[in-house]
Amino acid sequence: MQTIKIVLVFCVLTSTSTLTFARDLSKNQRDLCTWGAGIAGTAQQYKLAGLTLYGARNKLQARHFPQQWMRMSALGITEQTYDSPSRMRPENVRQVYYEGCTRHELARR
């Protein structure tokens, strides 16, 4: 029972600190992290559905991106996602990516 309480407190503190991190970032930085998290989640969804990396890359190539740099970044995120042995759900991948991205952006300051 004590272990469950400790885990719950840790989860609450982690989610609270993530919200604090997100508030300290500019809107552009948050949008960038949200975009990357969406790409990672979609790539994980393709991977779990059995689509090959080649097929996922073709789907990304057919997509329209508003900025020129986004296509290569999306391909890189997709490749990293496919290289990972993780079988996490796409929603969890989105969350982990977003949290890591926000930490990285704050560390750059």
Protein backbone atom coordinates (compact mmCIF):
# COMPACT_ATOMS: atom_id res chain seq x y z
CA MET A 1 0.00 0.00 0.00
CA GLN A 2 2.86 2.37 0.83
CA THR A 3 4.45 1.67 -2.56
CA ILE A 4 1.24 2.60 -4.37
CA LYS A 5 1.09 5.91 -2.49
CA ILE A 6 4.69 6.70 -3.42
CA VAL A 7 4.04 5.90 -7.07
CA LEU A 8 0.91 8.08 -7.12
CA VAL A 9 2.75 11.00 -5.53
CA PHE A 10 5.56 10.62 -8.09
CA CYS A 11 3.05 10.59 -10.98
CA VAL A 12 1.31 13.71 -9.69
CA LEU A 13 4.61 15.55 -9.21
CA THR A 14 5.83 14.51 -12.66
CA SER A 15 2.67 15.67 -14.39
CA THR A 16 2.70 18.95 -12.45
CA SER A 17 6.33 19.62 -13.34
CA THR A 18 5.63 18.86 -17.00
CA LEU A 19 2.83 21.43 -17.01
CA THR A 20 5.17 23.95 -15.42
CA PHE A 21 7.78 23.24 -18.09
CA ALA A 22 5.24 23.71 -20.86
CA ARG A 23 4.11 27.06 -19.46
CA ASP A 24 7.68 28.37 -19.42
CA LEU A 25 8.10 27.75 -23.15
CA SER A 26 7.02 30.12 -25.87
CA LYS A 27 4.01 29.25 -28.02
CA ASN A 28 6.29 28.41 -30.95
CA GLN A 29 8.36 26.01 -28.84
CA ARG A 30 5.23 24.30 -27.51
CA ASP A 31 3.82 24.05 -31.04
CA LEU A 32 7.07 22.53 -32.28
CA CYS A 33 7.03 19.92 -29.52
CA THR A 34 3.37 19.15 -30.18
CA TRP A 35 4.06 18.74 -33.91
CA GLY A 36 7.00 16.40 -33.30
CA ALA A 37 5.00 14.39 -30.77
CA GLY A 38 2.24 13.98 -33.35
CA ILE A 39 4.72 12.71 -35.94
CA ALA A 40 6.21 10.25 -33.43
CA GLY A 41 2.75 9.01 -32.43
CA THR A 42 1.72 8.54 -36.04
CA ALA A 43 4.94 6.67 -36.79
CA GLN A 44 4.33 4.39 -33.80
CA GLN A 45 0.79 3.79 -35.02
CA TYR A 46 2.12 2.79 -38.46
CA LYS A 47 4.74 0.54 -36.86
CA LEU A 48 2.24 -1.27 -34.66
CA ALA A 49 -0.10 -1.70 -37.64
CA GLY A 50 2.68 -3.55 -39.48
CA LEU A 51 3.47 -0.87 -42.07
CA THR A 52 7.11 -1.01 -43.15
CA LEU A 53 9.47 1.94 -42.71
CA TYR A 54 9.45 2.28 -46.49
CA GLY A 55 5.65 2.58 -46.48
CA ALA A 56 5.68 5.08 -43.63
CA ARG A 57 8.28 7.19 -45.45
CA ASN A 58 6.13 7.15 -48.59
CA LYS A 59 3.09 8.34 -46.61
CA LEU A 60 5.16 11.21 -45.18
CA GLN A 61 6.53 12.12 -48.61
CA ALA A 62 2.96 12.47 -49.90
CA ARG A 63 2.02 14.78 -47.03
CA HIS A 64 2.12 18.56 -47.33
CA PHE A 65 4.28 20.38 -44.78
CA PRO A 66 4.01 24.15 -44.29
CA GLN A 67 7.75 24.58 -43.69
CA GLN A 68 10.53 23.12 -45.82
CA TRP A 69 12.50 21.72 -42.87
CA MET A 70 9.53 19.76 -41.54
CA ARG A 71 9.70 16.97 -44.12
CA MET A 72 13.25 15.92 -43.23
CA SER A 73 12.55 16.26 -39.51
CA ALA A 74 9.44 14.11 -39.85
CA LEU A 75 11.40 11.47 -41.73
CA GLY A 76 14.07 11.48 -39.01
CA ILE A 77 11.53 11.18 -36.20
CA THR A 78 9.82 8.33 -38.06
CA GLU A 79 13.10 6.49 -38.59
CA GLN A 80 14.01 6.81 -34.90
CA THR A 81 10.58 5.54 -33.93
CA TYR A 82 10.94 2.50 -36.18
CA ASP A 83 14.46 1.81 -34.86
CA SER A 84 13.12 1.67 -31.31
CA PRO A 85 12.04 -1.76 -30.05
CA SER A 86 9.23 -0.07 -28.10
CA ARG A 87 5.70 -1.43 -28.41
CA MET A 88 4.14 1.47 -26.48
CA ARG A 89 0.76 2.82 -27.50
CA PRO A 90 0.90 5.85 -29.84
CA GLU A 91 -0.67 8.13 -27.17
CA ASN A 92 2.12 7.23 -24.76
CA VAL A 93 4.76 7.84 -27.42
CA ARG A 94 3.26 11.29 -28.06
CA GLN A 95 3.40 12.11 -24.36
CA VAL A 96 6.97 10.86 -23.87
CA TYR A 97 8.15 12.75 -26.95
CA TYR A 98 6.43 15.96 -25.84
CA GLU A 99 7.88 15.77 -22.34
CA GLY A 100 11.38 15.09 -23.68
CA CYS A 101 11.08 17.90 -26.19
CA THR A 102 9.96 20.43 -23.57
CA ARG A 103 12.84 19.42 -21.28
CA HIS A 104 15.26 19.79 -24.18
CA GLU A 105 13.92 23.22 -25.13
CA LEU A 106 14.20 24.42 -21.53
CA ALA A 107 17.73 23.07 -21.23
CA ARG A 108 18.74 25.05 -24.32
CA ARG A 109 18.00 28.29 -22.48
